[in-house]
Protein backbone atom coordinates (compact mmCIF):
# COMPACT_ATOMS: atom_id res chain seq x y z
CA MET A 1 32.84 75.48 119.09
CA PRO A 2 35.61 74.48 121.50
CA SER A 3 38.54 72.52 120.22
CA PRO A 4 38.95 68.96 121.58
CA PRO A 5 41.47 68.66 124.30
CA GLU A 6 45.06 68.02 123.41
CA PHE A 7 46.58 64.87 124.71
CA GLU A 8 49.04 62.27 123.58
CA LEU A 9 47.31 58.70 123.64
CA THR A 10 50.46 56.85 123.78
CA GLU A 11 52.00 59.09 126.58
CA GLY A 12 53.10 56.68 129.38
CA ILE A 13 51.94 53.38 127.54
CA SER A 14 55.45 52.56 126.35
CA GLU A 15 56.86 52.68 129.94
CA THR A 16 53.97 50.60 131.29
CA LEU A 17 54.19 48.20 128.42
CA ALA A 18 57.92 47.83 128.79
CA ALA A 19 57.49 46.49 132.28
CA GLU A 20 55.14 43.85 131.27
CA PRO A 21 56.22 40.22 130.18
CA ALA A 22 56.56 39.54 126.46
CA ASP A 23 53.41 37.52 126.16
CA GLU A 24 51.39 40.55 127.73
CA ARG A 25 53.17 42.97 125.36
CA VAL A 26 52.42 40.81 122.19
CA TYR A 27 48.68 40.56 123.39
CA ARG A 28 48.43 44.30 123.79
CA VAL A 29 49.94 44.94 120.34
CA ALA A 30 47.62 42.27 118.89
CA LEU A 31 44.51 44.16 120.23
CA GLN A 32 45.40 47.06 117.98
CA LEU A 33 45.93 45.05 114.82
CA TYR A 34 43.05 46.41 112.73
CA ASP A 35 45.10 45.94 109.56
CA PRO A 36 47.20 42.82 108.80
CA ALA A 37 50.68 42.95 110.27
CA ARG A 38 53.79 40.80 109.82
CA ILE A 39 55.49 39.05 112.69
CA ALA A 40 58.55 41.24 112.52
CA GLU A 41 56.44 44.40 112.81
CA ILE A 42 54.56 42.98 115.83
CA ALA A 43 57.76 41.94 117.38
CA ASP A 44 59.18 45.35 117.04
CA ARG A 45 56.13 47.02 118.50
CA ALA A 46 56.06 44.52 121.29
CA ASP A 47 59.84 44.92 121.91
CA CYS A 48 60.54 41.19 121.72
CA ALA A 49 62.28 38.81 119.43
CA PRO A 50 60.33 37.66 116.40
CA ASP A 51 60.38 34.04 117.53
CA THR A 52 58.90 35.04 120.80
CA ALA A 53 56.25 37.08 119.00
CA ARG A 54 55.54 34.23 116.59
CA ARG A 55 54.91 31.86 119.50
CA HIS A 56 52.46 34.20 121.30
CA LEU A 57 50.65 35.10 118.03
CA ARG A 58 50.12 31.39 117.15
CA ARG A 59 48.60 30.92 120.73
CA LEU A 60 46.31 34.02 120.33
CA ALA A 61 45.28 32.70 116.78
CA ASP A 62 44.52 29.39 118.28
CA ILE A 63 42.16 30.83 120.80
CA GLY A 64 40.48 33.18 118.37
CA VAL A 65 41.92 36.53 119.36
CA LEU A 66 43.66 36.81 116.02
CA ASP A 67 42.99 35.77 112.57
CA VAL A 68 45.78 34.74 110.15
CA ALA A 69 45.16 37.39 107.39
CA SER A 70 47.82 35.66 105.01
CA GLU A 71 50.22 32.70 104.81
CA ASP A 72 53.12 34.02 102.78
CA PRO A 73 54.16 36.09 104.54
CA VAL A 74 52.36 35.31 107.67
CA THR A 75 50.26 38.28 108.83
CA TYR A 76 47.80 38.53 111.66
CA ARG A 77 44.97 40.91 112.47
CA ARG A 78 42.32 41.21 115.18
CA ASN A 79 39.37 38.75 114.89
CA GLU A 80 36.43 41.25 115.53
CA SER A 81 34.09 38.28 115.98
CA TYR A 82 36.01 37.28 119.01
CA PHE A 83 35.68 40.77 120.56
CA GLU A 84 31.98 40.99 119.71
CA TRP A 85 31.47 37.69 121.34
CA ARG A 86 33.41 38.74 124.39
CA LYS A 87 31.25 42.05 124.65
CA GLN A 88 28.01 40.11 124.32
CA ASN A 89 29.19 37.70 127.04
CA ARG A 90 29.87 40.48 129.37
CA LEU A 91 26.50 42.23 128.53
CA ASP A 92 24.78 38.78 129.20
CA GLU A 93 26.14 38.82 132.82
CA LEU A 94 24.55 42.19 133.61
CA SER A 95 20.92 42.53 134.97
CA THR A 96 18.18 44.42 133.18
CA GLU A 97 18.74 47.27 135.80
CA GLU A 98 22.40 47.45 135.33
CA LEU A 99 21.98 47.53 131.48
CA GLN A 100 19.43 50.32 131.78
CA GLN A 101 21.70 52.33 134.03
CA ARG A 102 24.57 51.79 131.72
CA LEU A 103 22.45 52.93 128.77
CA GLU A 104 21.37 56.06 130.77
CA GLU A 105 24.97 56.91 131.43
CA LEU A 106 26.07 56.59 127.74
CA THR A 107 23.18 58.39 126.52
CA ALA A 108 23.90 61.24 128.81
CA ARG A 109 27.54 61.21 127.76
CA GLU A 110 26.70 61.19 124.05
CA ARG A 111 24.32 64.14 124.73
CA GLN A 112 27.37 66.11 126.52
CA PHE A 113 29.63 65.33 123.57
CA ARG A 114 27.07 66.56 120.98
CA GLU A 115 26.59 69.74 122.95
CA THR A 116 30.24 70.28 123.75
CA TYR A 117 31.51 69.81 120.08
CA ASP A 118 28.28 71.16 118.41
CA THR A 119 27.92 68.00 116.12
CA ASP A 120 25.65 64.91 115.54
CA ALA A 121 28.31 62.46 114.75
CA PRO A 122 32.25 62.18 115.19
CA ARG A 123 34.39 62.69 112.22
CA CYS A 124 36.29 59.41 111.69
CA ARG A 125 39.88 59.16 110.61
CA ARG A 126 40.08 55.35 110.43
CA ARG A 127 39.17 53.27 107.36
CA ALA A 128 36.81 51.05 109.59
CA CYS A 129 34.57 54.09 110.41
CA SER A 130 33.72 54.73 106.75
CA ARG A 131 31.42 51.46 106.51
């Protein structure tokens, strides 16, 4: 069985992210908050001041992108319901033909992965995959 290709997921992301305004950097960090994170940690990851991060995090929580996981200390995490809602809205905009074509593409891709890696399911390293 061939090994998965070696690559660094974060390669080039830090340079691209550094060129973005603070609100975009905070948003991109927020998209990755599967576990609750404190404002200082998010500010550090977004390379901005904690007050700047706090302002943008409040806005993201107000519009439903994030949930406040705890109040003392304040921590935030992704609101999975929001992302499911967005995905459903995007799918609702597609025609039946477009949905069928996408399903065929994804089914072929899955088949290729199964054959390439000789497995029926991916091995998961994240806690969320053990559901």
